[in-house]
């Protein structure tokens, strides 16, 4: 995926660059629901509870159809950058 790709879903548009986007309307509706609820109340609400982040479990909401809660987003890549930062920041 690429930067700002979520905007295609949020605005209900589709583009071949996304590949099979037959679920785009459903995904866009869910994303708009989370975003607008968060903007209005500070709580994203939604059908699937957005997990509270913790360093120990590193949970995140994976937007897909169906969406689900996963852990450890890009752990290996992030661990590399964490190591590099620790080396440079000393």
C-alpha atoms as a PDB file:
ATOM      1  CA  UNK A   1       0.000   0.000   0.000  1.00  0.00           C
ATOM      2  CA  UNK A   2       1.085   3.587  -0.394  1.00  0.00           C
ATOM      3  CA  UNK A   3       0.763   6.848   1.504  1.00  0.00           C
ATOM      4  CA  UNK A   4      -2.811   8.233   1.402  1.00  0.00           C
ATOM      5  CA  UNK A   5      -4.255   5.053  -0.169  1.00  0.00           C
ATOM      6  CA  UNK A   6      -6.939   5.107   2.534  1.00  0.00           C
ATOM      7  CA  UNK A   7      -8.376   8.264   0.975  1.00  0.00           C
ATOM      8  CA  UNK A   8      -9.710   6.238  -1.951  1.00  0.00           C
ATOM      9  CA  UNK A   9     -11.764   4.205   0.519  1.00  0.00           C
ATOM     10  CA  UNK A  10     -12.783   7.163   2.648  1.00  0.00           C
ATOM     11  CA  UNK A  11     -14.191   9.068  -0.306  1.00  0.00           C
ATOM     12  CA  UNK A  12     -15.854   6.011  -1.808  1.00  0.00           C
ATOM     13  CA  UNK A  13     -13.761   5.887  -4.949  1.00  0.00           C
ATOM     14  CA  UNK A  14     -12.028   2.921  -6.491  1.00  0.00           C
ATOM     15  CA  UNK A  15      -8.886   2.638  -8.539  1.00  0.00           C
ATOM     16  CA  UNK A  16      -7.207  -0.321 -10.283  1.00  0.00           C
ATOM     17  CA  UNK A  17      -3.991   0.385  -8.345  1.00  0.00           C
ATOM     18  CA  UNK A  18      -5.724  -1.095  -5.284  1.00  0.00           C
ATOM     19  CA  UNK A  19      -6.185  -4.438  -7.009  1.00  0.00           C
ATOM     20  CA  UNK A  20      -9.412  -6.243  -6.195  1.00  0.00           C
ATOM     21  CA  UNK A  21     -11.444  -3.488  -4.597  1.00  0.00           C
ATOM     22  CA  UNK A  22     -14.852  -5.191  -4.690  1.00  0.00           C
ATOM     23  CA  UNK A  23     -15.060  -4.693  -0.911  1.00  0.00           C
ATOM     24  CA  UNK A  24     -14.160  -0.995  -1.167  1.00  0.00           C
ATOM     25  CA  UNK A  25     -17.685   0.293  -0.362  1.00  0.00           C
ATOM     26  CA  UNK A  26     -17.959  -1.868   2.776  1.00  0.00           C
ATOM     27  CA  UNK A  27     -14.438  -1.010   3.935  1.00  0.00           C
ATOM     28  CA  UNK A  28     -14.945   2.699   3.219  1.00  0.00           C
ATOM     29  CA  UNK A  29     -18.167   2.731   5.235  1.00  0.00           C
ATOM     30  CA  UNK A  30     -16.429   1.126   8.225  1.00  0.00           C
ATOM     31  CA  UNK A  31     -13.476   3.528   7.996  1.00  0.00           C
ATOM     32  CA  UNK A  32     -15.747   6.592   7.764  1.00  0.00           C
ATOM     33  CA  UNK A  33     -17.633   5.338  10.806  1.00  0.00           C
ATOM     34  CA  UNK A  34     -14.479   5.010  12.918  1.00  0.00           C
ATOM     35  CA  UNK A  35     -13.033   8.331  11.771  1.00  0.00           C
ATOM     36  CA  UNK A  36     -16.211  10.377  12.168  1.00  0.00           C
ATOM     37  CA  UNK A  37     -16.954   8.871  15.586  1.00  0.00           C
ATOM     38  CA  UNK A  38     -13.430   9.689  16.716  1.00  0.00           C
ATOM     39  CA  UNK A  39     -13.699  13.257  15.387  1.00  0.00           C
ATOM     40  CA  UNK A  40     -17.033  13.794  17.141  1.00  0.00           C
ATOM     41  CA  UNK A  41     -16.337  12.173  20.500  1.00  0.00           C
ATOM     42  CA  UNK A  42     -12.666  11.209  20.808  1.00  0.00           C
ATOM     43  CA  UNK A  43     -13.733   7.546  20.811  1.00  0.00           C
ATOM     44  CA  UNK A  44     -13.548   5.647  17.512  1.00  0.00           C
ATOM     45  CA  UNK A  45     -16.327   3.279  18.605  1.00  0.00           C
ATOM     46  CA  UNK A  46     -17.150   0.930  15.764  1.00  0.00           C
ATOM     47  CA  UNK A  47     -18.338  -2.619  15.388  1.00  0.00           C
ATOM     48  CA  UNK A  48     -14.923  -3.957  16.391  1.00  0.00           C
ATOM     49  CA  UNK A  49     -13.409  -2.215  19.430  1.00  0.00           C
ATOM     50  CA  UNK A  50     -10.287  -0.251  18.561  1.00  0.00           C
ATOM     51  CA  UNK A  51      -7.676  -1.682  20.940  1.00  0.00           C
ATOM     52  CA  UNK A  52      -5.888   0.529  23.426  1.00  0.00           C
ATOM     53  CA  UNK A  53      -2.204   0.472  22.558  1.00  0.00           C
ATOM     54  CA  UNK A  54       0.330  -0.968  24.956  1.00  0.00           C
ATOM     55  CA  UNK A  55       4.029  -1.534  24.424  1.00  0.00           C
ATOM     56  CA  UNK A  56       3.740  -5.115  25.644  1.00  0.00           C
ATOM     57  CA  UNK A  57       1.176  -6.277  23.073  1.00  0.00           C
ATOM     58  CA  UNK A  58       1.423  -3.597  20.325  1.00  0.00           C
ATOM     59  CA  UNK A  59      -2.177  -4.109  19.128  1.00  0.00           C
ATOM     60  CA  UNK A  60      -3.668  -2.384  16.104  1.00  0.00           C
ATOM     61  CA  UNK A  61      -6.882  -2.493  14.128  1.00  0.00           C
ATOM     62  CA  UNK A  62      -6.279  -3.984  10.697  1.00  0.00           C
ATOM     63  CA  UNK A  63      -8.817  -2.489   8.295  1.00  0.00           C
ATOM     64  CA  UNK A  64      -9.936  -5.169   5.857  1.00  0.00           C
ATOM     65  CA  UNK A  65     -13.105  -7.099   5.137  1.00  0.00           C
ATOM     66  CA  UNK A  66     -13.504  -8.385   7.714  1.00  0.00           C
ATOM     67  CA  UNK A  67     -11.385  -6.127   9.936  1.00  0.00           C
ATOM     68  CA  UNK A  68      -9.583  -7.651  12.897  1.00  0.00           C
ATOM     69  CA  UNK A  69      -7.246  -6.815  15.760  1.00  0.00           C
ATOM     70  CA  UNK A  70      -3.651  -7.874  15.207  1.00  0.00           C
ATOM     71  CA  UNK A  71      -0.385  -7.352  17.052  1.00  0.00           C
ATOM     72  CA  UNK A  72       3.201  -6.491  16.215  1.00  0.00           C
ATOM     73  CA  UNK A  73       2.781  -4.335  13.102  1.00  0.00           C
ATOM     74  CA  UNK A  74       5.986  -4.618  11.049  1.00  0.00           C
ATOM     75  CA  UNK A  75       7.938  -5.804  14.104  1.00  0.00           C
ATOM     76  CA  UNK A  76      11.112  -6.784  12.248  1.00  0.00           C
ATOM     77  CA  UNK A  77      11.366  -3.467  10.382  1.00  0.00           C
ATOM     78  CA  UNK A  78      10.563  -1.440  13.482  1.00  0.00           C
ATOM     79  CA  UNK A  79      13.106  -3.377  15.545  1.00  0.00           C
ATOM     80  CA  UNK A  80      15.778  -2.446  12.993  1.00  0.00           C
ATOM     81  CA  UNK A  81      14.958   1.263  13.270  1.00  0.00           C
ATOM     82  CA  UNK A  82      14.755   1.066  17.065  1.00  0.00           C
ATOM     83  CA  UNK A  83      18.270  -0.419  17.143  1.00  0.00           C
ATOM     84  CA  UNK A  84      19.574   2.247  14.782  1.00  0.00           C
ATOM     85  CA  UNK A  85      17.990   5.022  16.830  1.00  0.00           C
ATOM     86  CA  UNK A  86      19.480   3.629  20.051  1.00  0.00           C
ATOM     87  CA  UNK A  87      22.923   3.648  18.415  1.00  0.00           C
ATOM     88  CA  UNK A  88      22.647   7.200  17.036  1.00  0.00           C
ATOM     89  CA  UNK A  89      20.947   8.728  20.078  1.00  0.00           C
ATOM     90  CA  UNK A  90      23.813   7.927  22.425  1.00  0.00           C
END
